Amino acid sequence: MRELILERRSIAQVARRYGKHRTTIRRWKRKRQAQQTVLLENAGRPNRPLGKTFRWNSVKWDIKTRSSAPHTHPNALDEETVGAIMRYTKTKV
């Protein structure tokens, strides 16, 4: 992401360099933009503009990922059945 934003490289260049597909880099860029919640302000001197060093040092570069595991499953066992299986396996051991 640093190369994409700071060095202003194209998505194709970054994708080629890291062996990823262009759409993957584009998706990461969108996720980063959606998750970027850093409020850049100069509290001590509100009328003074922020310097580049301050601005880029306060930016978070990690991209949080969401789990792709399903939240529900249509064929999942109910809690009662799972409990019965657990009790049965404990008595077998």
C-alpha atoms as a PDB file:
ATOM      1  CA  MET A   1       0.000   0.000   0.000  1.00  0.00           C
ATOM      2  CA  ARG A   2       2.891   2.343   0.688  1.00  0.00           C
ATOM      3  CA  GLU A   3       4.164   1.944  -2.861  1.00  0.00           C
ATOM      4  CA  LEU A   4       0.701   2.466  -4.249  1.00  0.00           C
ATOM      5  CA  ILE A   5       0.032   5.634  -2.271  1.00  0.00           C
ATOM      6  CA  LEU A   6       3.359   7.253  -1.405  1.00  0.00           C
ATOM      7  CA  GLU A   7       5.348   6.308  -4.498  1.00  0.00           C
ATOM      8  CA  ARG A   8       2.284   6.649  -6.725  1.00  0.00           C
ATOM      9  CA  ARG A   9       2.907   3.382  -8.537  1.00  0.00           C
ATOM     10  CA  SER A  10       0.118   1.948 -10.612  1.00  0.00           C
ATOM     11  CA  ILE A  11      -1.968  -0.973  -9.413  1.00  0.00           C
ATOM     12  CA  ALA A  12      -0.523  -3.092 -12.237  1.00  0.00           C
ATOM     13  CA  GLN A  13       3.073  -2.326 -11.171  1.00  0.00           C
ATOM     14  CA  VAL A  14       2.410  -3.189  -7.533  1.00  0.00           C
ATOM     15  CA  ALA A  15       0.545  -6.367  -8.492  1.00  0.00           C
ATOM     16  CA  ARG A  16       3.357  -7.479 -10.788  1.00  0.00           C
ATOM     17  CA  ARG A  17       6.014  -6.775  -8.178  1.00  0.00           C
ATOM     18  CA  TYR A  18       4.303  -8.828  -5.459  1.00  0.00           C
ATOM     19  CA  GLY A  19       2.855 -11.551  -7.686  1.00  0.00           C
ATOM     20  CA  LYS A  20      -0.777 -10.692  -6.997  1.00  0.00           C
ATOM     21  CA  HIS A  21      -3.624 -10.029  -9.388  1.00  0.00           C
ATOM     22  CA  ARG A  22      -4.622  -6.428 -10.108  1.00  0.00           C
ATOM     23  CA  THR A  23      -8.102  -6.955  -8.701  1.00  0.00           C
ATOM     24  CA  THR A  24      -6.593  -8.192  -5.422  1.00  0.00           C
ATOM     25  CA  ILE A  25      -4.542  -5.000  -5.054  1.00  0.00           C
ATOM     26  CA  ARG A  26      -7.581  -2.909  -6.006  1.00  0.00           C
ATOM     27  CA  ARG A  27      -9.695  -4.734  -3.391  1.00  0.00           C
ATOM     28  CA  TRP A  28      -7.002  -4.169  -0.729  1.00  0.00           C
ATOM     29  CA  LYS A  29      -6.868  -0.491  -1.651  1.00  0.00           C
ATOM     30  CA  ARG A  30     -10.659  -0.169  -1.261  1.00  0.00           C
ATOM     31  CA  LYS A  31     -10.565  -1.973   2.096  1.00  0.00           C
ATOM     32  CA  ARG A  32      -7.781   0.286   3.315  1.00  0.00           C
ATOM     33  CA  GLN A  33      -9.674   3.402   2.276  1.00  0.00           C
ATOM     34  CA  ALA A  34     -12.812   2.159   4.031  1.00  0.00           C
ATOM     35  CA  GLN A  35     -10.924   1.307   7.229  1.00  0.00           C
ATOM     36  CA  GLN A  36      -8.715   4.381   7.341  1.00  0.00           C
ATOM     37  CA  THR A  37     -10.106   6.290  10.304  1.00  0.00           C
ATOM     38  CA  VAL A  38      -7.031   8.207  11.420  1.00  0.00           C
ATOM     39  CA  LEU A  39      -7.963  11.780  12.194  1.00  0.00           C
ATOM     40  CA  LEU A  40      -4.995  13.889  11.180  1.00  0.00           C
ATOM     41  CA  GLU A  41      -4.904  17.019  13.281  1.00  0.00           C
ATOM     42  CA  ASN A  42      -2.320  19.259  14.858  1.00  0.00           C
ATOM     43  CA  ALA A  43      -3.838  19.737  18.312  1.00  0.00           C
ATOM     44  CA  GLY A  44      -1.108  22.032  19.628  1.00  0.00           C
ATOM     45  CA  ARG A  45      -1.213  24.371  16.649  1.00  0.00           C
ATOM     46  CA  PRO A  46      -4.608  24.141  14.959  1.00  0.00           C
ATOM     47  CA  ASN A  47      -3.855  26.873  12.395  1.00  0.00           C
ATOM     48  CA  ARG A  48      -0.591  25.288  11.286  1.00  0.00           C
ATOM     49  CA  PRO A  49      -0.742  22.747   8.441  1.00  0.00           C
ATOM     50  CA  LEU A  50       0.432  19.206   9.058  1.00  0.00           C
ATOM     51  CA  GLY A  51       3.843  18.176   7.837  1.00  0.00           C
ATOM     52  CA  LYS A  52       4.287  15.166   5.575  1.00  0.00           C
ATOM     53  CA  THR A  53       6.383  13.316   8.144  1.00  0.00           C
ATOM     54  CA  PHE A  54       3.696  13.632  10.806  1.00  0.00           C
ATOM     55  CA  ARG A  55       0.941  12.709   8.400  1.00  0.00           C
ATOM     56  CA  TRP A  56       2.490   9.514   7.035  1.00  0.00           C
ATOM     57  CA  ASN A  57       3.851   8.355  10.391  1.00  0.00           C
ATOM     58  CA  SER A  58       0.355   8.373  11.871  1.00  0.00           C
ATOM     59  CA  VAL A  59      -1.210   6.363   9.048  1.00  0.00           C
ATOM     60  CA  LYS A  60      -1.938   2.687   9.722  1.00  0.00           C
ATOM     61  CA  TRP A  61      -0.851   0.463   6.843  1.00  0.00           C
ATOM     62  CA  ASP A  62      -2.317  -2.852   7.975  1.00  0.00           C
ATOM     63  CA  ILE A  63      -5.548  -4.025   6.401  1.00  0.00           C
ATOM     64  CA  LYS A  64      -7.939  -5.845   8.683  1.00  0.00           C
ATOM     65  CA  THR A  65      -9.435  -8.912   7.092  1.00  0.00           C
ATOM     66  CA  ARG A  66     -12.849 -10.347   7.697  1.00  0.00           C
ATOM     67  CA  SER A  67     -13.386 -14.027   8.276  1.00  0.00           C
ATOM     68  CA  SER A  68     -14.675 -15.908   5.265  1.00  0.00           C
ATOM     69  CA  ALA A  69     -16.057 -18.688   7.467  1.00  0.00           C
ATOM     70  CA  PRO A  70     -19.835 -18.972   7.265  1.00  0.00           C
ATOM     71  CA  HIS A  71     -21.781 -17.737  10.277  1.00  0.00           C
ATOM     72  CA  THR A  72     -24.399 -20.447   9.848  1.00  0.00           C
ATOM     73  CA  HIS A  73     -24.600 -23.761   8.063  1.00  0.00           C
ATOM     74  CA  PRO A  74     -27.857 -25.347   6.894  1.00  0.00           C
ATOM     75  CA  ASN A  75     -26.732 -28.875   7.869  1.00  0.00           C
ATOM     76  CA  ALA A  76     -25.232 -27.966  11.247  1.00  0.00           C
ATOM     77  CA  LEU A  77     -26.076 -30.145  14.247  1.00  0.00           C
ATOM     78  CA  ASP A  78     -28.135 -28.564  16.993  1.00  0.00           C
ATOM     79  CA  GLU A  79     -26.653 -27.956  20.457  1.00  0.00           C
ATOM     80  CA  GLU A  80     -28.519 -30.876  22.032  1.00  0.00           C
ATOM     81  CA  THR A  81     -27.075 -33.377  19.537  1.00  0.00           C
ATOM     82  CA  VAL A  82     -23.556 -31.991  19.931  1.00  0.00           C
ATOM     83  CA  GLY A  83     -23.873 -32.253  23.720  1.00  0.00           C
ATOM     84  CA  ALA A  84     -25.055 -35.873  23.462  1.00  0.00           C
ATOM     85  CA  ILE A  85     -22.094 -36.757  21.238  1.00  0.00           C
ATOM     86  CA  MET A  86     -19.662 -35.072  23.645  1.00  0.00           C
ATOM     87  CA  ARG A  87     -21.120 -36.955  26.628  1.00  0.00           C
ATOM     88  CA  TYR A  88     -20.957 -40.245  24.718  1.00  0.00           C
ATOM     89  CA  THR A  89     -17.313 -39.768  23.693  1.00  0.00           C
ATOM     90  CA  LYS A  90     -16.317 -38.897  27.279  1.00  0.00           C
ATOM     91  CA  THR A  91     -17.863 -42.147  28.571  1.00  0.00           C
ATOM     92  CA  LYS A  92     -16.086 -44.187  25.862  1.00  0.00           C
ATOM     93  CA  VAL A  93     -12.625 -42.963  26.899  1.00  0.00           C
END
